[in-house]
Structure formats: C-alpha cells, structure tokens
Protein backbone atom coordinates (compact mmCIF):
# COMPACT_ATOMS: atom_id res chain seq x y z
CA UNK A 1 -13.89 -96.43 -20.95
CA UNK A 2 -12.63 -97.21 -17.49
CA UNK A 3 -11.67 -94.57 -15.12
CA UNK A 4 -8.41 -93.75 -13.76
CA UNK A 5 -9.70 -95.43 -9.96
CA UNK A 6 -11.44 -98.37 -11.92
CA UNK A 7 -8.30 -98.92 -14.37
CA UNK A 8 -5.83 -99.05 -11.24
CA UNK A 9 -7.95 -101.87 -9.48
CA UNK A 10 -8.49 -103.97 -12.31
CA UNK A 11 -4.32 -103.57 -13.04
CA UNK A 12 -3.71 -104.36 -8.96
CA UNK A 13 -6.16 -107.47 -7.90
CA UNK A 14 -3.12 -109.65 -6.05
CA UNK A 15 -2.13 -105.97 -4.21
CA UNK A 16 -5.62 -105.27 -3.17
CA UNK A 17 -5.67 -109.48 -1.69
CA UNK A 18 -2.75 -108.28 0.60
CA UNK A 19 -4.01 -104.55 1.48
CA UNK A 20 -6.63 -106.92 3.07
CA UNK A 21 -4.83 -109.08 4.72
CA UNK A 22 -2.80 -106.31 5.72
CA UNK A 23 -5.33 -103.99 7.11
CA UNK A 24 -6.36 -106.77 10.51
CA UNK A 25 -2.45 -106.95 10.85
CA UNK A 26 -0.68 -103.59 10.58
CA UNK A 27 -2.43 -100.19 11.62
CA UNK A 28 -3.61 -98.49 8.44
CA UNK A 29 -2.75 -101.68 6.54
CA UNK A 30 0.81 -100.29 6.16
CA UNK A 31 3.86 -99.89 7.44
CA UNK A 32 5.49 -96.95 6.89
CA UNK A 33 2.56 -93.50 6.30
CA UNK A 34 3.99 -92.92 3.20
CA UNK A 35 3.29 -96.48 1.62
CA UNK A 36 -0.78 -95.68 2.65
CA UNK A 37 -2.87 -95.30 -0.27
CA UNK A 38 -6.52 -95.09 -1.30
CA UNK A 39 -8.34 -98.20 -2.24
CA UNK A 40 -5.04 -99.67 -1.84
CA UNK A 41 -1.08 -99.44 -2.05
CA UNK A 42 0.88 -101.61 -4.28
CA UNK A 43 2.71 -104.71 -2.98
CA UNK A 44 6.14 -104.68 -5.13
CA UNK A 45 8.21 -108.38 -4.89
CA UNK A 46 11.59 -106.84 -6.99
CA UNK A 47 13.68 -104.90 -8.48
CA UNK A 48 16.62 -104.31 -10.73
CA UNK A 49 18.40 -101.06 -12.07
CA UNK A 50 15.51 -98.28 -12.48
CA UNK A 51 12.85 -100.89 -12.16
CA UNK A 52 10.37 -102.96 -10.33
CA UNK A 53 8.01 -104.95 -10.19
CA UNK A 54 4.48 -106.00 -8.44
CA UNK A 55 2.50 -109.39 -7.34
CA UNK A 56 0.50 -109.00 -10.27
CA UNK A 57 3.88 -109.08 -12.46
CA UNK A 58 3.22 -105.04 -13.24
CA UNK A 59 6.47 -103.17 -14.21
CA UNK A 60 7.10 -99.85 -13.44
CA UNK A 61 9.58 -97.10 -13.95
CA UNK A 62 10.90 -96.15 -10.59
CA UNK A 63 11.56 -92.75 -9.31
CA UNK A 64 10.40 -93.19 -5.15
CA UNK A 65 14.26 -94.97 -5.42
CA UNK A 66 14.01 -96.19 -1.99
CA UNK A 67 12.53 -93.13 -0.10
CA UNK A 68 15.72 -91.62 -1.93
CA UNK A 69 18.28 -94.08 -0.89
CA UNK A 70 18.80 -95.63 -4.35
CA UNK A 71 21.06 -93.48 -6.23
CA UNK A 72 22.65 -96.57 -7.61
CA UNK A 73 19.57 -98.08 -8.53
CA UNK A 74 17.75 -101.92 -7.26
CA UNK A 75 20.34 -104.16 -6.28
CA UNK A 76 23.67 -102.65 -8.00
CA UNK A 77 25.92 -106.00 -8.24
CA UNK A 78 28.69 -104.43 -6.23
CA UNK A 79 26.41 -103.72 -3.45
CA UNK A 80 24.81 -107.02 -3.58
CA UNK A 81 28.13 -109.00 -3.90
CA UNK A 82 29.67 -106.88 -0.71
CA UNK A 83 26.59 -107.11 1.42
CA UNK A 84 26.66 -111.43 0.95
CA UNK A 85 29.94 -111.57 1.38
CA UNK A 86 29.57 -109.83 4.43
CA UNK A 87 26.65 -111.87 5.65
CA UNK A 88 28.57 -115.31 5.20
CA UNK A 89 31.47 -113.57 7.27
CA UNK A 90 28.84 -112.41 10.14
CA UNK A 91 25.47 -109.97 10.36
CA UNK A 92 26.38 -108.68 13.54
CA UNK A 93 29.87 -109.40 15.31
CA UNK A 94 29.04 -107.19 18.41
CA UNK A 95 32.65 -105.33 18.49
CA UNK A 96 34.16 -102.80 16.40
CA UNK A 97 35.18 -104.25 12.63
CA UNK A 98 37.23 -102.80 9.73
CA UNK A 99 34.07 -102.41 8.02
CA UNK A 100 33.14 -99.34 10.23
CA UNK A 101 36.76 -97.95 9.66
CA UNK A 102 35.76 -98.16 5.90
CA UNK A 103 32.77 -96.75 5.89
CA UNK A 104 33.76 -93.70 7.74
CA UNK A 105 36.69 -92.57 5.37
CA UNK A 106 34.46 -92.95 2.58
CA UNK A 107 31.86 -90.43 4.55
CA UNK A 108 35.19 -88.05 5.39
CA UNK A 109 36.50 -88.27 1.57
CA UNK A 110 33.01 -86.75 -0.11
CA UNK A 111 32.41 -84.34 2.82
CA UNK A 112 35.12 -82.47 3.90
CA UNK A 113 33.56 -80.71 7.22
CA UNK A 114 33.01 -84.61 8.43
CA UNK A 115 35.98 -84.48 11.26
CA UNK A 116 34.24 -87.41 13.46
CA UNK A 117 31.75 -89.51 12.83
CA UNK A 118 29.06 -91.64 15.02
CA UNK A 119 26.93 -94.09 13.28
CA UNK A 120 23.04 -94.37 14.08
CA UNK A 121 19.97 -97.06 12.60
CA UNK A 122 18.10 -94.03 11.05
CA UNK A 123 18.43 -90.76 10.44
CA UNK A 124 15.53 -89.90 12.72
CA UNK A 125 18.44 -91.33 15.39
CA UNK A 126 20.71 -89.22 13.56
CA UNK A 127 18.75 -85.95 14.33
CA UNK A 128 17.78 -86.49 17.83
CA UNK A 129 21.59 -87.40 18.09
CA UNK A 130 22.38 -83.91 16.47
CA UNK A 131 19.84 -81.69 18.85
CA UNK A 132 21.64 -83.16 21.69
CA UNK A 133 24.85 -82.77 21.03
CA UNK A 134 24.59 -79.29 20.40
CA UNK A 135 22.76 -78.96 23.56
CA UNK A 136 25.53 -80.94 25.28
CA UNK A 137 28.49 -78.54 23.85
CA UNK A 138 26.70 -75.22 24.33
CA UNK A 139 25.16 -75.62 27.81
CA UNK A 140 22.05 -73.98 26.39
CA UNK A 141 18.53 -75.71 25.48
CA UNK A 142 16.85 -74.28 22.28
CA UNK A 143 17.15 -75.55 18.64
CA UNK A 144 15.74 -73.61 15.99
CA UNK A 145 13.61 -75.77 13.37
CA UNK A 146 11.83 -74.33 10.22
CA UNK A 147 8.77 -74.79 9.72
CA UNK A 148 7.33 -77.62 7.75
CA UNK A 149 11.03 -78.71 7.47
CA UNK A 150 11.74 -82.77 8.15
CA UNK A 151 13.84 -84.72 10.58
CA UNK A 152 12.20 -87.24 10.94
CA UNK A 153 9.43 -88.51 13.88
CA UNK A 154 11.01 -88.39 16.98
CA UNK A 155 9.62 -85.39 19.34
CA UNK A 156 11.37 -82.65 19.05
CA UNK A 157 11.45 -83.56 15.27
CA UNK A 158 7.54 -83.20 15.18
CA UNK A 159 7.35 -79.23 16.70
CA UNK A 160 6.67 -76.65 13.73
CA UNK A 161 5.56 -80.32 11.34
CA UNK A 162 2.73 -79.99 9.01
CA UNK A 163 1.28 -83.24 10.11
CA UNK A 164 -0.41 -83.83 13.09
CA UNK A 165 1.34 -84.86 16.82
CA UNK A 166 -0.89 -87.15 18.92
CA UNK A 167 0.89 -88.49 21.57
CA UNK A 168 3.39 -85.81 22.42
CA UNK A 169 3.54 -84.22 25.47
CA UNK A 170 3.20 -80.14 24.60
CA UNK A 171 6.43 -79.83 26.96
CA UNK A 172 8.89 -81.19 24.64
CA UNK A 173 8.52 -78.68 22.52
CA UNK A 174 9.35 -75.47 25.12
CA UNK A 175 12.81 -75.94 24.06
CA UNK A 176 11.79 -75.96 20.02
CA UNK A 177 11.70 -72.36 18.13
CA UNK A 178 9.87 -72.55 14.94
CA UNK A 179 10.69 -69.85 12.26
CA UNK A 180 9.70 -69.58 8.91
CA UNK A 181 11.87 -70.63 6.38
CA UNK A 182 13.64 -69.08 4.10
CA UNK A 183 13.73 -65.91 6.81
CA UNK A 184 17.00 -64.68 7.59
CA UNK A 185 15.29 -61.54 9.49
CA UNK A 186 13.50 -63.95 11.70
CA UNK A 187 16.78 -66.17 12.33
CA UNK A 188 18.25 -62.56 13.49
CA UNK A 189 15.81 -62.11 15.65
CA UNK A 190 15.59 -64.57 17.72
CA UNK A 191 18.89 -64.97 18.10
CA UNK A 192 19.40 -61.08 19.11
CA UNK A 193 16.71 -61.39 21.69
CA UNK A 194 17.29 -65.31 22.70
CA UNK A 195 20.76 -66.34 24.29
CA UNK A 196 19.44 -70.06 25.18
CA UNK A 197 19.92 -71.24 21.54
CA UNK A 198 21.78 -74.14 20.96
CA UNK A 199 21.57 -75.54 17.35
CA UNK A 200 19.47 -74.60 13.88
CA UNK A 201 18.63 -77.74 11.79
CA UNK A 202 17.23 -77.30 8.56
CA UNK A 203 16.93 -79.08 5.39
CA UNK A 204 19.71 -76.88 3.11
CA UNK A 205 17.68 -77.30 0.08
CA UNK A 206 14.60 -76.55 1.59
CA UNK A 207 11.49 -78.30 3.03
CA UNK A 208 10.89 -82.17 1.54
CA UNK A 209 14.16 -82.71 -0.21
CA UNK A 210 13.51 -78.50 -2.15
CA UNK A 211 9.67 -78.80 -2.12
CA UNK A 212 9.43 -75.82 -0.63
CA UNK A 213 12.55 -74.60 -1.43
CA UNK A 214 14.23 -70.86 -0.84
CA UNK A 215 17.14 -68.69 -2.20
CA UNK A 216 19.70 -71.55 -1.34
CA UNK A 217 22.80 -69.83 -1.83
CA UNK A 218 22.15 -66.70 -0.16
CA UNK A 219 20.17 -68.34 2.44
CA UNK A 220 22.58 -70.92 3.58
CA UNK A 221 25.77 -68.42 3.38
CA UNK A 222 23.46 -65.87 5.85
CA UNK A 223 22.53 -68.61 8.42
CA UNK A 224 26.28 -69.50 8.70
CA UNK A 225 27.45 -66.29 9.37
CA UNK A 226 24.65 -65.42 11.74
CA UNK A 227 25.19 -68.86 13.84
CA UNK A 228 28.83 -68.29 13.79
CA UNK A 229 28.34 -65.07 15.24
CA UNK A 230 26.33 -66.28 18.13
CA UNK A 231 28.69 -69.89 18.67
CA UNK A 232 25.11 -71.34 17.48
CA UNK A 233 25.55 -75.16 15.98
CA UNK A 234 24.79 -74.92 12.58
CA UNK A 235 23.26 -78.39 11.28
CA UNK A 236 22.36 -79.76 7.85
CA UNK A 237 20.18 -83.05 7.47
CA UNK A 238 21.69 -84.36 4.77
CA UNK A 239 19.75 -87.41 5.15
CA UNK A 240 18.09 -86.98 1.20
CA UNK A 241 20.36 -84.82 -0.24
CA UNK A 242 23.58 -86.10 1.33
CA UNK A 243 25.62 -87.43 -1.58
CA UNK A 244 22.49 -87.09 -4.04
CA UNK A 245 23.03 -82.46 -4.28
CA UNK A 246 26.08 -83.30 -5.05
CA UNK A 247 29.07 -86.25 -4.11
CA UNK A 248 29.18 -84.17 -0.85
CA UNK A 249 26.05 -82.87 -0.28
CA UNK A 250 24.60 -79.54 -0.33
CA UNK A 251 26.88 -78.23 1.31
CA UNK A 252 29.60 -78.66 -1.01
CA UNK A 253 27.21 -77.87 -3.66
CA UNK A 254 27.11 -74.16 -1.87
CA UNK A 255 30.53 -74.42 -0.52
CA UNK A 256 28.83 -73.50 3.32
CA UNK A 257 30.02 -76.13 6.01
CA UNK A 258 27.46 -76.75 8.72
CA UNK A 259 28.80 -78.19 12.30
CA UNK A 260 26.98 -80.67 11.91
CA UNK A 261 25.64 -83.08 9.09
CA UNK A 262 23.04 -86.03 9.68
CA UNK A 263 22.93 -88.80 7.09
CA UNK A 264 21.33 -91.81 6.35
CA UNK A 265 19.42 -93.40 3.06
CA UNK A 266 22.41 -93.40 0.49
CA UNK A 267 25.48 -93.10 3.24
CA UNK A 268 23.84 -96.34 3.83
CA UNK A 269 24.09 -97.84 0.66
CA UNK A 270 19.73 -98.37 0.92
CA UNK A 271 20.59 -100.52 3.89
CA UNK A 272 18.99 -99.12 7.05
CA UNK A 273 21.80 -96.59 8.65
CA UNK A 274 22.47 -93.16 9.49
CA UNK A 275 25.27 -90.64 10.82
CA UNK A 276 26.13 -87.71 12.72
CA UNK A 277 29.28 -86.04 11.72
CA UNK A 278 30.93 -82.54 12.03
CA UNK A 279 33.34 -80.80 14.22
CA UNK A 280 35.43 -82.96 16.67
CA UNK A 281 35.05 -80.78 19.63
CA UNK A 282 31.21 -81.75 19.16
CA UNK A 283 31.04 -84.74 18.45
CA UNK A 284 33.74 -85.76 21.06
CA UNK A 285 30.79 -85.02 23.82
CA UNK A 286 30.40 -89.22 23.03
CA UNK A 287 33.90 -89.53 24.01
CA UNK A 288 34.92 -91.14 27.37
CA UNK A 289 37.66 -89.30 28.45
CA UNK A 290 38.98 -91.54 31.32
CA UNK A 291 37.67 -88.74 33.80
CA UNK A 292 34.88 -89.79 35.97
CA UNK A 293 33.70 -86.50 36.68
CA UNK A 294 33.03 -85.88 32.87
CA UNK A 295 32.40 -89.16 31.51
CA UNK A 296 29.54 -89.92 34.81
CA UNK A 297 28.07 -85.84 34.36
CA UNK A 298 29.01 -84.44 31.07
CA UNK A 299 29.46 -87.36 28.19
CA UNK A 300 26.55 -87.82 25.99
CA UNK A 301 25.35 -91.27 26.02
CA UNK A 302 25.07 -93.38 23.51
CA UNK A 303 24.14 -97.02 23.01
CA UNK A 304 22.31 -98.61 19.60
CA UNK A 305 22.31 -102.28 19.35
CA UNK A 306 23.33 -102.17 15.32
CA UNK A 307 25.31 -99.06 15.22
CA UNK A 308 27.88 -99.52 12.59
CA UNK A 309 25.75 -103.08 11.64
CA UNK A 310 28.91 -104.64 9.04
CA UNK A 311 26.18 -105.09 6.10
CA UNK A 312 25.43 -101.66 6.61
CA UNK A 313 28.67 -100.93 6.65
CA UNK A 314 29.82 -102.82 3.69
CA UNK A 315 27.06 -101.41 1.70
CA UNK A 316 27.43 -97.80 2.45
CA UNK A 317 31.75 -97.94 1.90
CA UNK A 318 30.65 -99.52 -1.15
CA UNK A 319 28.12 -96.90 -2.42
CA UNK A 320 30.07 -93.92 -1.18
CA UNK A 321 33.45 -94.95 -2.57
CA UNK A 322 31.74 -95.75 -6.18
CA UNK A 323 30.00 -92.43 -5.58
CA UNK A 324 33.60 -91.02 -5.07
CA UNK A 325 35.45 -92.70 -8.20
CA UNK A 326 32.70 -92.78 -10.80
CA UNK A 327 30.76 -90.21 -12.43
CA UNK A 328 27.52 -91.43 -10.43
CA UNK A 329 25.85 -87.92 -9.50
CA UNK A 330 26.67 -87.07 -13.18
CA UNK A 331 24.37 -89.65 -15.04
CA UNK A 332 21.71 -89.33 -12.23
CA UNK A 333 21.71 -85.24 -12.97
CA UNK A 334 21.77 -85.22 -16.49
CA UNK A 335 18.58 -87.53 -16.61
CA UNK A 336 17.07 -85.50 -14.19
CA UNK A 337 17.84 -82.33 -16.28
CA UNK A 338 16.17 -84.45 -19.38
CA UNK A 339 13.31 -85.28 -17.81
CA UNK A 340 12.72 -82.32 -15.68
CA UNK A 341 12.93 -80.26 -19.12
CA UNK A 342 10.50 -83.12 -20.58
CA UNK A 343 8.11 -82.82 -18.16
CA UNK A 344 8.06 -78.93 -18.32
CA UNK A 345 7.84 -79.86 -22.25
CA UNK A 346 4.91 -82.00 -21.76
CA UNK A 347 2.44 -79.44 -19.48
CA UNK A 348 3.41 -76.55 -22.11
CA UNK A 349 2.18 -78.90 -25.35
CA UNK A 350 -0.97 -79.99 -23.51
CA UNK A 351 -1.89 -76.34 -21.88
CA UNK A 352 -1.78 -77.85 -18.76
CA UNK A 353 -1.02 -75.01 -16.50
CA UNK A 354 2.23 -76.41 -13.96
CA UNK A 355 5.96 -77.00 -13.66
CA UNK A 356 8.66 -78.87 -12.54
CA UNK A 357 11.38 -77.68 -10.66
CA UNK A 358 14.56 -79.33 -8.80
CA UNK A 359 17.86 -79.57 -8.37
CA UNK A 360 20.47 -82.07 -8.82
CA UNK A 361 18.43 -85.69 -9.65
CA UNK A 362 15.35 -83.89 -7.31
CA UNK A 363 12.38 -83.13 -9.29
CA UNK A 364 8.74 -81.93 -7.79
CA UNK A 365 6.02 -81.79 -10.04
CA UNK A 366 3.49 -78.75 -9.40
CA UNK A 367 0.31 -78.20 -11.24
CA UNK A 368 -0.01 -74.77 -10.90
CA UNK A 369 1.98 -72.04 -12.83
CA UNK A 370 5.25 -70.50 -12.49
CA UNK A 371 7.85 -68.12 -13.88
CA UNK A 372 11.24 -69.45 -11.99
CA UNK A 373 14.17 -70.93 -13.74
CA UNK A 374 13.24 -74.35 -13.20
CA UNK A 375 15.75 -74.91 -9.99
CA UNK A 376 14.44 -72.64 -7.36
CA UNK A 377 10.12 -72.22 -7.63
CA UNK A 378 9.39 -68.72 -6.62
CA UNK A 379 5.64 -69.35 -5.75
CA UNK A 380 4.70 -69.31 -1.97
CA UNK A 381 5.05 -72.27 -0.01
CA UNK A 382 1.26 -71.88 0.48
CA UNK A 383 0.73 -71.84 -2.72
CA UNK A 384 3.07 -74.90 -3.61
CA UNK A 385 1.49 -76.79 -0.89
CA UNK A 386 -2.11 -76.42 -1.84
CA UNK A 387 -1.33 -77.42 -5.45
CA UNK A 388 -0.02 -80.36 -4.57
CA UNK A 389 -2.98 -81.00 -2.34
CA UNK A 390 -5.49 -81.12 -5.38
CA UNK A 391 -7.45 -84.23 -6.57
CA UNK A 392 -5.69 -84.06 -9.72
CA UNK A 393 -2.56 -84.70 -7.71
CA UNK A 394 -3.78 -88.02 -6.43
CA UNK A 395 -5.20 -88.91 -9.93
CA UNK A 396 -2.07 -88.10 -11.68
CA UNK A 397 0.12 -90.62 -9.71
CA UNK A 398 -2.67 -93.43 -9.19
CA UNK A 399 -2.76 -93.21 -13.24
CA UNK A 400 1.12 -92.96 -13.44
CA UNK A 401 0.76 -96.12 -12.15
CA UNK A 402 -1.41 -97.60 -14.07
CA UNK A 403 0.61 -96.16 -16.87
CA UNK A 404 4.29 -97.62 -15.59
CA UNK A 405 5.41 -95.23 -13.21
CA UNK A 406 6.09 -94.88 -10.00
CA UNK A 407 7.48 -91.84 -8.43
CA UNK A 408 7.77 -90.44 -4.41
CA UNK A 409 5.21 -89.28 -2.11
CA UNK A 410 2.60 -87.61 -5.32
CA UNK A 411 4.40 -85.16 -6.78
CA UNK A 412 8.61 -85.95 -6.97
CA UNK A 413 11.22 -87.52 -9.28
CA UNK A 414 13.84 -89.35 -7.62
CA UNK A 415 16.42 -90.26 -10.63
CA UNK A 416 18.87 -92.73 -10.16
CA UNK A 417 22.36 -93.12 -11.73
CA UNK A 418 20.71 -96.13 -13.38
CA UNK A 419 17.74 -94.82 -15.59
CA UNK A 420 17.69 -94.67 -19.46
CA UNK A 421 17.46 -92.92 -21.95
CA UNK A 422 14.63 -94.70 -22.87
CA UNK A 423 13.17 -94.80 -19.33
CA UNK A 424 12.90 -91.02 -19.50
CA UNK A 425 11.23 -91.49 -22.72
CA UNK A 426 8.88 -93.82 -21.10
CA UNK A 427 8.01 -91.59 -18.54
CA UNK A 428 7.06 -88.35 -20.52
CA UNK A 429 4.94 -90.41 -22.44
CA UNK A 430 3.22 -92.09 -19.36
CA UNK A 431 3.18 -88.49 -17.97
CA UNK A 432 1.43 -87.18 -21.07
CA UNK A 433 -0.98 -90.26 -21.15
CA UNK A 434 -1.97 -90.07 -17.71
CA UNK A 435 -2.65 -85.92 -17.93
CA UNK A 436 -4.76 -86.58 -20.60
CA UNK A 437 -6.45 -89.09 -18.17
CA UNK A 438 -6.98 -86.83 -15.66
CA UNK A 439 -8.71 -83.98 -18.06
CA UNK A 440 -11.02 -86.92 -19.20
CA UNK A 441 -11.99 -87.11 -15.63
CA UNK A 442 -12.44 -82.89 -15.55
CA UNK A 443 -9.75 -82.61 -13.25
CA UNK A 444 -7.20 -80.35 -15.03
C-alpha cells in the first residue's frame, strides 16, 4: 500500500513539474510563504463556490478560502459581475470615484466604530498606518504588541513574532513593547511604568485568528478600560476576523469598540485591498487642513497608487452589502458549527487524541486533548504550538489533500457561506480516512 507521501506525488505530477520550474524563478519556488510545501505545493487552476481544482484535475473542498478572504466562496456571481462591469469602465481612473464612497458606506454600515476610513492595498499597509496614526495622534512613540500576534510583515509588525526576522535592524524594534497574550496585569504594569505608550494592537480573538485564544470577552473589555484610562489608542487587527467573527467583526460580537480597526481580505471582496478606520480625530491625522504649519509638520503623509482602487471598491462594496442584507454569516457559522462537532466526533470515534475549537466560521484542529468548551481552547499557547508542529499534523494535511480537502496552513478550516451539508459530510469522511492513513504510518 502506498504511503501518504507516495500517493501525494502520484496524484500531483503536474504540480511537481510546475514547482520544478518555479524553483528557478521564485525564491523558494513560491510567491507566498504559506504556500511553501514539500516535496512541492499544489498548483490550482480555478474555483467555484466551496470547490477548487488543480492542474492535474483533482477537485478539493476548499477551507483555505483565499487565506480567509472568501466568505462568499470562489467566484461569487454578484462579485464577478460587478468587477467585470467595472473593468470595462476603468481599472484605475487616477481620481476620486463613486465606488470608493460606496465602499466606505458599506464598511460603516457594519462597523459602528468606523467614523472615518482610509483605504490601502493590503493588511500589512493597514497595520503600518494604524501604528503611525496612533503615534502621530498621541505624540508618543511606543506600541504594545502581543506575543505571536500577526499584523503583516513590515518591520514593526515582525517584533514579537514566532517567525525569524533577518534584515530588520534591531533599532526598528526599540519602539515596540512585546507582552504575553491574554495577560491584563502585564498590560497594566507596562502602562503604569511607561508613559510613552501610543497604542496597543492585537488580533481580538487571539493570535493567528484564534489558534492561540485567550479569555476573549473579559480580556478585550479589560484592555478597553486600561487603554481608555491612559489615553492609549486601542487597535483591533480585524484583517481576518472583520466581517467573519460576525458581520461587524469581533468588536461587534464582543461589544468592545476599538479606537482604530485594520481590515483587508473580506473587506475588499477577496480582491487586493485594505483599510484603516476608526475615530475621526485619529484618522484625520491624514487630513489636509489648509494650515501650512499643520500640513507641513504634523499631517501624516499617505500616498498609494491603488488606494481605493475601483475594482477592489466594487468587489468590497458588493460583498459587504450582501453580508449586511443576507444571512451570509449565519450560513457560514452553521456549517462551521456542524463541521466542528463532526471533527470532534471523528477524533473520539477513532480514539485519536485531539480536538477542534474556534468561533464563528474559523475552526482550528489540534492533535492534543483538551477539556475546553470547543470555542476557546484552554491549553497553554506553548502546548498548542507544540501539537501543531508535530509530524502527524503535516501528514494529516497531505493526506487530506490526497482525499480532496484543502485546509488553511496545517490546522485551520475557514468556512464560507457556500459550503454545503454535502461538503461537510465529505470533509468528515476525508478526515476519518486521513487519520487512518496517519495512524497506519505510526504517527498517532
């Protein structure tokens, strides 16, 4: 009987051939770190709804969901039509447009904390601007960042990361204060002894969109109280959770309003695009005031060739308007809840140590036991990371691909509103088959 790896190689010869060429063109053979895989990554051709297909004709139920951007699934007809119409009118008009106004209104309709907004091209740009705005607004220099929380790949965001960071001068991190995630006392102590804190930025459901969770409602409320008392700007990075944790993001789900919010992925209807929004007085640090002294010395400079690009604007507006008017989140959340229950049932049935946890349409699979409520995992972050790094997890991911299911990273299922009951049934059957293959290789 073929091993998991042998089956993977046999089923994906076209991907192997393309990767051989890609290694001569791209560093590491890929164009995004998360796509790196050995012996080679998959090469996809197209997607529709909850499904996608590779160059060898293999079909997958897709839980990568465009790295979290595809709450509406692949190639939603309404988004396709809007973008196609806009392409014919113009891809870049080099001017203000009605489309950007419509896009901003759609964001404000879902997130009450967004008084004003500024568009960017990516989530990384958005978090960089949010930190800069906070520093400019407060006149202070330091930003608190929580250990392992991901805010893109710019120099400041890489501080306190669980990834290496060569090429970044140590001086860049002199203004970053790294604190353990979920520890309110650590935040309070830092704010008490350091008066130069401009902002605190975090993923509001925990590092890696909830893979490493904390006591979310109480922690967020505690952060809001501490930062408000001391005039520190609270930044929610909702690049993944925005419009997915709830139609209004984690901030509406938990009823905690940040001062600034960073957005990307779903906000642009799965096209390239990001945004920073929040209190008008903070976002207005970008505004021209007609005062030469202010404009030349205090105003935060913000160009960007593709800011508010009309293609991203119409895709984002259509997507968000659908979320506001249709049960998009309810459908995705219901399928995710069924999938999460099923994953835990399969693990129990097969007597494999592990559990699935997560909120809304974001599920994380951990091959280690836990007695949590299956929403917020109570294992330590160290234990979760050790479990996710085990060889069995890599083998399970690869075996699931062999069986027609593709997940985000090695442990996450990002569910869309287009996943069906049949998709969930097929996914659970694939997981059971894959776990049996992993067990046959002595890894669990």
